[in-house]
Amino acid sequence: MEAKIVVKDLVHEYSDEYTGQHVRALDGVSLEVADGELVAVVGPSGCGKTTMLNILAGLVRPTSGRILVDGREVKGPGPDRGVVFQELAILPWRTVARNIGHGLEIQGVERGERERRVRQFIELVGLEGFDHKYPHELSGGMKQRVALARTLAANPVVMLMDEPFAAVDAQTRITLQEELNRIAIATRKTILLVTHNVEEAAFLGDRCFILTRRPGRVKRIVEIPIPRERRQWKTLTTDPEFTTRREQILTLVREEVRGGDE
């Protein structure tokens, strides 16, 4: 299967602004994400997960290494990569519909086509009836749906997600995980998800990349061969395949956490 994201020998170093110490955050990270695949990246705190995502997004320049998205080298931000951050970036003065259409306006999409695509993604993320609401009138989960729909509407080649559900309550998080799974089935979008939540990684990922403690390297890749159509929390929690993979990922992450405490 064709790789949509290729990371080759990625190294990132920086000077800590508080201590002045030289820090190597990532050390020779290599990975590939196939077309239509959803991969999760987990690891102990400080292992460089978010740094890697920011490099993929073109927001940070790596010290060395190559990153290709759809065969093109990443040298800065671009419309081929849609990013959903933990901190919501929706605009408070715009309605749901106008937030979702914001990227299409920037792209110069004609009004009729823009409105059609906005309606399509409002329906996809379950926000029918909230088109004209403002962010302050929405719950945290609804705001995250707006951010997700806005990214999808712009039709990027790949989606990069940094702890997108960390700020919502546990029940809403479960609902949003199931919604993202449904959207992944419907759109076949290539998605790289950074999370600290092992259950989330096992629930959503076709594969899970476990990073070592800093400097981050790929410690192991865990395959999660569970069809997306079966991924519902009410049944998956007792699925032996799921529990085995979840425990495998958890054990690998704990090894790195314990190692950092030694």
C-alpha atoms as a PDB file:
ATOM      1  CA  MET A   1       0.000   0.000   0.000  1.00  0.00           C
ATOM      2  CA  GLU A   2       1.252   3.490  -0.905  1.00  0.00           C
ATOM      3  CA  ALA A   3       2.756   5.513   1.960  1.00  0.00           C
ATOM      4  CA  LYS A   4       1.165   8.935   2.445  1.00  0.00           C
ATOM      5  CA  ILE A   5       3.540   9.933   5.265  1.00  0.00           C
ATOM      6  CA  VAL A   6       7.231   8.982   5.309  1.00  0.00           C
ATOM      7  CA  VAL A   7       9.503  10.009   8.196  1.00  0.00           C
ATOM      8  CA  LYS A   8      13.148   9.084   7.693  1.00  0.00           C
ATOM      9  CA  ASP A   9      15.919   9.368  10.292  1.00  0.00           C
ATOM     10  CA  LEU A  10      14.276  12.337  12.032  1.00  0.00           C
ATOM     11  CA  VAL A  11      16.461  14.130  14.610  1.00  0.00           C
ATOM     12  CA  HIS A  12      15.479  17.227  16.564  1.00  0.00           C
ATOM     13  CA  GLU A  13      17.656  19.119  19.028  1.00  0.00           C
ATOM     14  CA  TYR A  14      17.127  22.423  20.828  1.00  0.00           C
ATOM     15  CA  SER A  15      18.432  24.541  23.699  1.00  0.00           C
ATOM     16  CA  ASP A  16      16.216  24.696  26.783  1.00  0.00           C
ATOM     17  CA  GLU A  17      15.268  28.368  27.204  1.00  0.00           C
ATOM     18  CA  TYR A  18      15.222  28.081  31.006  1.00  0.00           C
ATOM     19  CA  THR A  19      18.323  26.012  31.707  1.00  0.00           C
ATOM     20  CA  GLY A  20      20.317  26.659  28.553  1.00  0.00           C
ATOM     21  CA  GLN A  21      20.976  22.913  28.296  1.00  0.00           C
ATOM     22  CA  HIS A  22      21.200  21.162  24.945  1.00  0.00           C
ATOM     23  CA  VAL A  23      18.292  18.738  24.508  1.00  0.00           C
ATOM     24  CA  ARG A  24      17.889  15.973  21.930  1.00  0.00           C
ATOM     25  CA  ALA A  25      14.132  15.409  21.682  1.00  0.00           C
ATOM     26  CA  LEU A  26      14.061  12.936  18.773  1.00  0.00           C
ATOM     27  CA  ASP A  27      16.816  10.594  17.690  1.00  0.00           C
ATOM     28  CA  GLY A  28      16.576   8.814  14.339  1.00  0.00           C
ATOM     29  CA  VAL A  29      12.788   8.337  14.135  1.00  0.00           C
ATOM     30  CA  SER A  30      11.628   6.534  10.998  1.00  0.00           C
ATOM     31  CA  LEU A  31       8.059   5.509  10.205  1.00  0.00           C
ATOM     32  CA  GLU A  32       5.548   5.269   7.383  1.00  0.00           C
ATOM     33  CA  VAL A  33       1.781   5.734   7.312  1.00  0.00           C
ATOM     34  CA  ALA A  34      -0.143   4.110   4.466  1.00  0.00           C
ATOM     35  CA  ASP A  35      -2.913   5.708   2.439  1.00  0.00           C
ATOM     36  CA  GLY A  36      -6.167   5.529   4.433  1.00  0.00           C
ATOM     37  CA  GLU A  37      -4.455   4.280   7.596  1.00  0.00           C
ATOM     38  CA  LEU A  38      -5.002   5.674  11.089  1.00  0.00           C
ATOM     39  CA  VAL A  39      -1.908   5.318  13.238  1.00  0.00           C
ATOM     40  CA  ALA A  40      -1.505   6.270  16.885  1.00  0.00           C
ATOM     41  CA  VAL A  41       1.741   7.469  18.468  1.00  0.00           C
ATOM     42  CA  VAL A  42       2.214   6.967  22.215  1.00  0.00           C
ATOM     43  CA  GLY A  43       5.072   7.186  24.676  1.00  0.00           C
ATOM     44  CA  PRO A  44       6.045   8.600  28.057  1.00  0.00           C
ATOM     45  CA  SER A  45       5.736  12.309  28.764  1.00  0.00           C
ATOM     46  CA  GLY A  46       8.542  14.275  27.110  1.00  0.00           C
ATOM     47  CA  CYS A  47       9.363  11.619  24.502  1.00  0.00           C
ATOM     48  CA  GLY A  48       8.880  13.996  21.565  1.00  0.00           C
ATOM     49  CA  LYS A  49       5.430  12.939  20.310  1.00  0.00           C
ATOM     50  CA  THR A  50       4.096  16.463  19.898  1.00  0.00           C
ATOM     51  CA  THR A  51       7.451  17.726  18.600  1.00  0.00           C
ATOM     52  CA  MET A  52       7.270  15.128  15.829  1.00  0.00           C
ATOM     53  CA  LEU A  53       3.711  16.165  14.961  1.00  0.00           C
ATOM     54  CA  ASN A  54       4.717  19.836  14.846  1.00  0.00           C
ATOM     55  CA  ILE A  55       7.574  18.952  12.501  1.00  0.00           C
ATOM     56  CA  LEU A  56       5.146  17.017  10.290  1.00  0.00           C
ATOM     57  CA  ALA A  57       2.836  20.040  10.303  1.00  0.00           C
ATOM     58  CA  GLY A  58       5.733  22.239   9.163  1.00  0.00           C
ATOM     59  CA  LEU A  59       5.609  24.360  12.313  1.00  0.00           C
ATOM     60  CA  VAL A  60       9.069  23.275  13.539  1.00  0.00           C
ATOM     61  CA  ARG A  61      12.165  22.618  11.455  1.00  0.00           C
ATOM     62  CA  PRO A  62      14.013  19.399  12.324  1.00  0.00           C
ATOM     63  CA  THR A  63      17.734  19.263  12.958  1.00  0.00           C
ATOM     64  CA  SER A  64      18.064  16.536  10.337  1.00  0.00           C
ATOM     65  CA  GLY A  65      16.054  13.875   8.541  1.00  0.00           C
ATOM     66  CA  ARG A  66      13.409  13.881   5.827  1.00  0.00           C
ATOM     67  CA  ILE A  67       9.612  14.064   5.923  1.00  0.00           C
ATOM     68  CA  LEU A  68       7.483  13.369   2.852  1.00  0.00           C
ATOM     69  CA  VAL A  69       3.716  13.797   2.588  1.00  0.00           C
ATOM     70  CA  ASP A  70       2.222  12.336  -0.583  1.00  0.00           C
ATOM     71  CA  GLY A  71       5.723  12.197  -2.051  1.00  0.00           C
ATOM     72  CA  ARG A  72       6.533  15.871  -1.411  1.00  0.00           C
ATOM     73  CA  GLU A  73       9.103  17.023   1.121  1.00  0.00           C
ATOM     74  CA  VAL A  74       7.736  19.031   4.048  1.00  0.00           C
ATOM     75  CA  LYS A  75       9.443  22.414   4.302  1.00  0.00           C
ATOM     76  CA  GLY A  76       6.730  24.398   6.084  1.00  0.00           C
ATOM     77  CA  PRO A  77       2.965  24.485   6.695  1.00  0.00           C
ATOM     78  CA  GLY A  78       0.758  23.554   3.746  1.00  0.00           C
ATOM     79  CA  PRO A  79      -2.837  22.739   2.774  1.00  0.00           C
ATOM     80  CA  ASP A  80      -1.920  19.083   2.267  1.00  0.00           C
ATOM     81  CA  ARG A  81      -1.820  18.706   6.084  1.00  0.00           C
ATOM     82  CA  GLY A  82      -4.789  19.438   8.314  1.00  0.00           C
ATOM     83  CA  VAL A  83      -4.017  19.779  12.013  1.00  0.00           C
ATOM     84  CA  VAL A  84      -6.383  19.314  14.969  1.00  0.00           C
ATOM     85  CA  PHE A  85      -4.773  20.488  18.207  1.00  0.00           C
ATOM     86  CA  GLN A  86      -5.713  19.851  21.834  1.00  0.00           C
ATOM     87  CA  GLU A  87      -6.187  23.608  22.223  1.00  0.00           C
ATOM     88  CA  LEU A  88      -9.180  24.515  20.104  1.00  0.00           C
ATOM     89  CA  ALA A  89      -8.414  26.988  17.333  1.00  0.00           C
ATOM     90  CA  ILE A  90     -11.988  27.770  16.267  1.00  0.00           C
ATOM     91  CA  LEU A  91     -12.838  31.440  15.891  1.00  0.00           C
ATOM     92  CA  PRO A  92     -15.215  32.759  18.592  1.00  0.00           C
ATOM     93  CA  TRP A  93     -16.773  35.425  16.345  1.00  0.00           C
ATOM     94  CA  ARG A  94     -17.765  32.914  13.662  1.00  0.00           C
ATOM     95  CA  THR A  95     -20.748  30.562  13.686  1.00  0.00           C
ATOM     96  CA  VAL A  96     -20.352  26.788  13.399  1.00  0.00           C
ATOM     97  CA  ALA A  97     -20.956  26.928   9.648  1.00  0.00           C
ATOM     98  CA  ARG A  98     -18.560  29.823   9.074  1.00  0.00           C
ATOM     99  CA  ASN A  99     -15.869  28.179  11.210  1.00  0.00           C
ATOM    100  CA  ILE A 100     -16.143  24.973   9.182  1.00  0.00           C
ATOM    101  CA  GLY A 101     -16.011  26.944   5.943  1.00  0.00           C
ATOM    102  CA  HIS A 102     -13.083  29.128   6.997  1.00  0.00           C
ATOM    103  CA  GLY A 103     -10.408  27.066   5.252  1.00  0.00           C
ATOM    104  CA  LEU A 104     -12.535  26.869   2.100  1.00  0.00           C
ATOM    105  CA  GLU A 105     -12.824  30.667   2.056  1.00  0.00           C
ATOM    106  CA  ILE A 106      -9.037  30.945   2.282  1.00  0.00           C
ATOM    107  CA  GLN A 107      -8.750  28.476  -0.618  1.00  0.00           C
ATOM    108  CA  GLY A 108     -11.124  30.653  -2.672  1.00  0.00           C
ATOM    109  CA  VAL A 109     -13.795  27.965  -3.063  1.00  0.00           C
ATOM    110  CA  GLU A 110     -16.919  29.351  -4.756  1.00  0.00           C
ATOM    111  CA  ARG A 111     -19.758  30.153  -2.336  1.00  0.00           C
ATOM    112  CA  GLY A 112     -22.244  27.535  -3.536  1.00  0.00           C
ATOM    113  CA  GLU A 113     -19.670  24.734  -3.412  1.00  0.00           C
ATOM    114  CA  ARG A 114     -18.431  25.991  -0.060  1.00  0.00           C
ATOM    115  CA  GLU A 115     -21.928  25.892   1.438  1.00  0.00           C
ATOM    116  CA  ARG A 116     -22.490  22.395   0.034  1.00  0.00           C
ATOM    117  CA  ARG A 117     -19.297  21.078   1.608  1.00  0.00           C
ATOM    118  CA  VAL A 118     -20.026  22.792   4.915  1.00  0.00           C
ATOM    119  CA  ARG A 119     -23.461  21.099   5.048  1.00  0.00           C
ATOM    120  CA  GLN A 120     -21.845  17.760   4.203  1.00  0.00           C
ATOM    121  CA  PHE A 121     -19.405  17.957   7.099  1.00  0.00           C
ATOM    122  CA  ILE A 122     -21.935  19.370   9.562  1.00  0.00           C
ATOM    123  CA  GLU A 123     -23.937  16.193   8.920  1.00  0.00           C
ATOM    124  CA  LEU A 124     -20.844  13.983   9.056  1.00  0.00           C
ATOM    125  CA  VAL A 125     -19.891  15.147  12.557  1.00  0.00           C
ATOM    126  CA  GLY A 126     -23.480  15.282  13.871  1.00  0.00           C
ATOM    127  CA  LEU A 127     -23.927  19.036  14.257  1.00  0.00           C
ATOM    128  CA  GLU A 128     -27.209  19.412  12.362  1.00  0.00           C
ATOM    129  CA  GLY A 129     -29.251  22.271  13.797  1.00  0.00           C
ATOM    130  CA  PHE A 130     -26.205  24.061  15.217  1.00  0.00           C
ATOM    131  CA  ASP A 131     -25.129  25.765  11.972  1.00  0.00           C
ATOM    132  CA  HIS A 132     -25.763  29.291  13.288  1.00  0.00           C
ATOM    133  CA  LYS A 133     -24.562  28.778  16.868  1.00  0.00           C
ATOM    134  CA  TYR A 134     -21.418  30.490  18.140  1.00  0.00           C
ATOM    135  CA  PRO A 135     -18.624  28.636  20.004  1.00  0.00           C
ATOM    136  CA  HIS A 136     -19.682  30.026  23.406  1.00  0.00           C
ATOM    137  CA  GLU A 137     -23.055  28.301  22.913  1.00  0.00           C
ATOM    138  CA  LEU A 138     -21.475  24.861  22.396  1.00  0.00           C
ATOM    139  CA  SER A 139     -20.210  22.138  24.718  1.00  0.00           C
ATOM    140  CA  GLY A 140     -16.543  21.113  24.677  1.00  0.00           C
ATOM    141  CA  GLY A 141     -17.353  18.033  22.619  1.00  0.00           C
ATOM    142  CA  MET A 142     -19.270  20.075  20.064  1.00  0.00           C
ATOM    143  CA  LYS A 143     -16.395  22.528  19.728  1.00  0.00           C
ATOM    144  CA  GLN A 144     -14.041  19.642  19.019  1.00  0.00           C
ATOM    145  CA  ARG A 145     -16.464  18.380  16.340  1.00  0.00           C
ATOM    146  CA  VAL A 146     -16.346  21.834  14.734  1.00  0.00           C
ATOM    147  CA  ALA A 147     -12.529  21.727  14.683  1.00  0.00           C
ATOM    148  CA  LEU A 148     -12.614  18.235  13.176  1.00  0.00           C
ATOM    149  CA  ALA A 149     -15.193  19.196  10.526  1.00  0.00           C
ATOM    150  CA  ARG A 150     -13.252  22.334   9.579  1.00  0.00           C
ATOM    151  CA  THR A 151     -10.110  20.271   8.996  1.00  0.00           C
ATOM    152  CA  LEU A 152     -11.963  17.628   6.970  1.00  0.00           C
ATOM    153  CA  ALA A 153     -13.825  20.210   4.868  1.00  0.00           C
ATOM    154  CA  ALA A 154     -10.515  21.646   3.638  1.00  0.00           C
ATOM    155  CA  ASN A 155      -9.762  18.147   2.252  1.00  0.00           C
ATOM    156  CA  PRO A 156      -6.105  17.767   3.299  1.00  0.00           C
ATOM    157  CA  VAL A 157      -4.090  14.782   2.092  1.00  0.00           C
ATOM    158  CA  VAL A 158      -3.433  13.782   5.721  1.00  0.00           C
ATOM    159  CA  MET A 159      -4.782  14.755   9.138  1.00  0.00           C
ATOM    160  CA  LEU A 160      -2.505  15.288  12.119  1.00  0.00           C
ATOM    161  CA  MET A 161      -4.173  15.155  15.539  1.00  0.00           C
ATOM    162  CA  ASP A 162      -2.471  16.172  18.787  1.00  0.00           C
ATOM    163  CA  GLU A 163      -4.345  14.915  21.876  1.00  0.00           C
ATOM    164  CA  PRO A 164      -7.615  16.104  20.295  1.00  0.00           C
ATOM    165  CA  PHE A 165      -9.905  14.755  23.035  1.00  0.00           C
ATOM    166  CA  ALA A 166      -7.765  15.368  26.116  1.00  0.00           C
ATOM    167  CA  ALA A 167      -9.704  18.435  27.268  1.00  0.00           C
ATOM    168  CA  VAL A 168     -13.179  16.837  27.363  1.00  0.00           C
ATOM    169  CA  ASP A 169     -14.788  14.668  30.037  1.00  0.00           C
ATOM    170  CA  ALA A 170     -14.466  10.879  29.946  1.00  0.00           C
ATOM    171  CA  GLN A 171     -17.925  10.158  28.531  1.00  0.00           C
ATOM    172  CA  THR A 172     -17.587  12.772  25.792  1.00  0.00           C
ATOM    173  CA  ARG A 173     -14.156  11.406  24.957  1.00  0.00           C
ATOM    174  CA  ILE A 174     -15.601   7.930  24.383  1.00  0.00           C
ATOM    175  CA  THR A 175     -18.284   9.386  22.105  1.00  0.00           C
ATOM    176  CA  LEU A 176     -15.727  11.393  20.113  1.00  0.00           C
ATOM    177  CA  GLN A 177     -13.471   8.357  19.733  1.00  0.00           C
ATOM    178  CA  GLU A 178     -16.358   6.418  18.222  1.00  0.00           C
ATOM    179  CA  GLU A 179     -17.208   9.404  16.010  1.00  0.00           C
ATOM    180  CA  LEU A 180     -13.617   9.615  14.750  1.00  0.00           C
ATOM    181  CA  ASN A 181     -13.682   5.899  13.989  1.00  0.00           C
ATOM    182  CA  ARG A 182     -16.921   6.360  12.016  1.00  0.00           C
ATOM    183  CA  ILE A 183     -15.423   9.316  10.150  1.00  0.00           C
ATOM    184  CA  ALA A 184     -12.268   7.310   9.371  1.00  0.00           C
ATOM    185  CA  ILE A 185     -14.475   4.624   7.795  1.00  0.00           C
ATOM    186  CA  ALA A 186     -16.530   7.172   5.829  1.00  0.00           C
ATOM    187  CA  THR A 187     -13.644   9.308   4.502  1.00  0.00           C
ATOM    188  CA  ARG A 188     -10.716   6.854   4.330  1.00  0.00           C
ATOM    189  CA  LYS A 189      -8.555   9.821   5.356  1.00  0.00           C
ATOM    190  CA  THR A 190      -4.936   9.169   6.354  1.00  0.00           C
ATOM    191  CA  ILE A 191      -4.616  10.138  10.028  1.00  0.00           C
ATOM    192  CA  LEU A 192      -1.720  10.339  12.476  1.00  0.00           C
ATOM    193  CA  LEU A 193      -2.936  10.668  16.062  1.00  0.00           C
ATOM    194  CA  VAL A 194      -0.666  11.615  18.971  1.00  0.00           C
ATOM    195  CA  THR A 195      -2.075  10.580  22.353  1.00  0.00           C
ATOM    196  CA  HIS A 196      -0.936   9.702  25.864  1.00  0.00           C
ATOM    197  CA  ASN A 197      -4.030   7.509  26.321  1.00  0.00           C
ATOM    198  CA  VAL A 198      -3.193   3.852  25.683  1.00  0.00           C
ATOM    199  CA  GLU A 199      -6.848   2.777  25.434  1.00  0.00           C
ATOM    200  CA  GLU A 200      -7.481   5.490  22.851  1.00  0.00           C
ATOM    201  CA  ALA A 201      -4.453   4.372  20.835  1.00  0.00           C
ATOM    202  CA  ALA A 202      -5.604   0.742  20.872  1.00  0.00           C
ATOM    203  CA  PHE A 203      -9.214   1.668  20.074  1.00  0.00           C
ATOM    204  CA  LEU A 204      -8.436   3.949  17.122  1.00  0.00           C
ATOM    205  CA  GLY A 205      -5.131   2.812  15.663  1.00  0.00           C
ATOM    206  CA  ASP A 206      -4.643   0.376  12.808  1.00  0.00           C
ATOM    207  CA  ARG A 207      -1.099   0.390  14.158  1.00  0.00           C
ATOM    208  CA  CYS A 208       0.460   1.977  17.213  1.00  0.00           C
ATOM    209  CA  PHE A 209       3.990   3.399  17.281  1.00  0.00           C
ATOM    210  CA  ILE A 210       5.486   3.347  20.788  1.00  0.00           C
ATOM    211  CA  LEU A 211       8.280   5.871  21.354  1.00  0.00           C
ATOM    212  CA  THR A 212      11.045   5.501  23.921  1.00  0.00           C
ATOM    213  CA  ARG A 213      11.662   8.053  26.650  1.00  0.00           C
ATOM    214  CA  ARG A 214      13.679  11.068  25.504  1.00  0.00           C
ATOM    215  CA  PRO A 215      15.363  11.136  23.122  1.00  0.00           C
ATOM    216  CA  GLY A 216      12.405   9.593  21.327  1.00  0.00           C
ATOM    217  CA  ARG A 217      13.000   6.617  19.079  1.00  0.00           C
ATOM    218  CA  VAL A 218      10.547   4.057  17.721  1.00  0.00           C
ATOM    219  CA  LYS A 219      10.642   1.282  20.320  1.00  0.00           C
ATOM    220  CA  ARG A 220       8.004  -1.002  18.801  1.00  0.00           C
ATOM    221  CA  ILE A 221       5.144  -1.057  16.318  1.00  0.00           C
ATOM    222  CA  VAL A 222       2.007  -2.879  17.470  1.00  0.00           C
ATOM    223  CA  GLU A 223      -0.480  -4.025  14.831  1.00  0.00           C
ATOM    224  CA  ILE A 224      -4.158  -3.839  15.843  1.00  0.00           C
ATOM    225  CA  PRO A 225      -5.960  -6.081  13.312  1.00  0.00           C
ATOM    226  CA  ILE A 226      -9.516  -5.318  14.423  1.00  0.00           C
ATOM    227  CA  PRO A 227     -11.918  -4.242  11.636  1.00  0.00           C
ATOM    228  CA  ARG A 228     -13.141  -0.661  12.105  1.00  0.00           C
ATOM    229  CA  GLU A 229     -16.755  -1.795  11.886  1.00  0.00           C
ATOM    230  CA  ARG A 230     -16.244  -3.741  15.142  1.00  0.00           C
ATOM    231  CA  ARG A 231     -14.750  -0.815  17.052  1.00  0.00           C
ATOM    232  CA  GLN A 232     -17.464   0.157  19.514  1.00  0.00           C
ATOM    233  CA  TRP A 233     -16.753   0.502  23.201  1.00  0.00           C
ATOM    234  CA  LYS A 234     -19.776  -1.501  24.325  1.00  0.00           C
ATOM    235  CA  THR A 235     -18.325  -4.647  22.733  1.00  0.00           C
ATOM    236  CA  LEU A 236     -14.597  -3.945  22.420  1.00  0.00           C
ATOM    237  CA  THR A 237     -13.831  -3.806  26.147  1.00  0.00           C
ATOM    238  CA  THR A 238     -14.421  -7.573  26.372  1.00  0.00           C
ATOM    239  CA  ASP A 239     -12.797  -8.421  23.035  1.00  0.00           C
ATOM    240  CA  PRO A 240      -9.698 -10.570  23.763  1.00  0.00           C
ATOM    241  CA  GLU A 241      -7.855  -9.238  20.693  1.00  0.00           C
ATOM    242  CA  PHE A 242      -8.354  -5.658  21.881  1.00  0.00           C
ATOM    243  CA  THR A 243      -7.388  -6.354  25.500  1.00  0.00           C
ATOM    244  CA  THR A 244      -4.241  -8.201  24.391  1.00  0.00           C
ATOM    245  CA  ARG A 245      -3.099  -5.329  22.168  1.00  0.00           C
ATOM    246  CA  ARG A 246      -3.969  -2.712  24.789  1.00  0.00           C
ATOM    247  CA  GLU A 247      -1.958  -4.525  27.453  1.00  0.00           C
ATOM    248  CA  GLN A 248       0.955  -4.975  25.058  1.00  0.00           C
ATOM    249  CA  ILE A 249       1.063  -1.216  24.360  1.00  0.00           C
ATOM    250  CA  LEU A 250       0.650  -0.374  28.050  1.00  0.00           C
ATOM    251  CA  THR A 251       3.515  -2.689  29.038  1.00  0.00           C
ATOM    252  CA  LEU A 252       5.837  -1.137  26.444  1.00  0.00           C
ATOM    253  CA  VAL A 253       5.022   2.404  27.601  1.00  0.00           C
ATOM    254  CA  ARG A 254       5.439   1.461  31.282  1.00  0.00           C
ATOM    255  CA  GLU A 255       8.878   0.017  30.568  1.00  0.00           C
ATOM    256  CA  GLU A 256       9.939   3.423  29.308  1.00  0.00           C
ATOM    257  CA  VAL A 257       8.336   5.301  32.206  1.00  0.00           C
ATOM    258  CA  ARG A 258      10.006   3.029  34.766  1.00  0.00           C
ATOM    259  CA  GLY A 259      13.313   3.305  32.923  1.00  0.00           C
ATOM    260  CA  GLY A 260      13.128   7.080  33.190  1.00  0.00           C
ATOM    261  CA  ASP A 261      12.647   6.845  36.952  1.00  0.00           C
ATOM    262  CA  GLU A 262      15.710   4.701  37.526  1.00  0.00           C
END
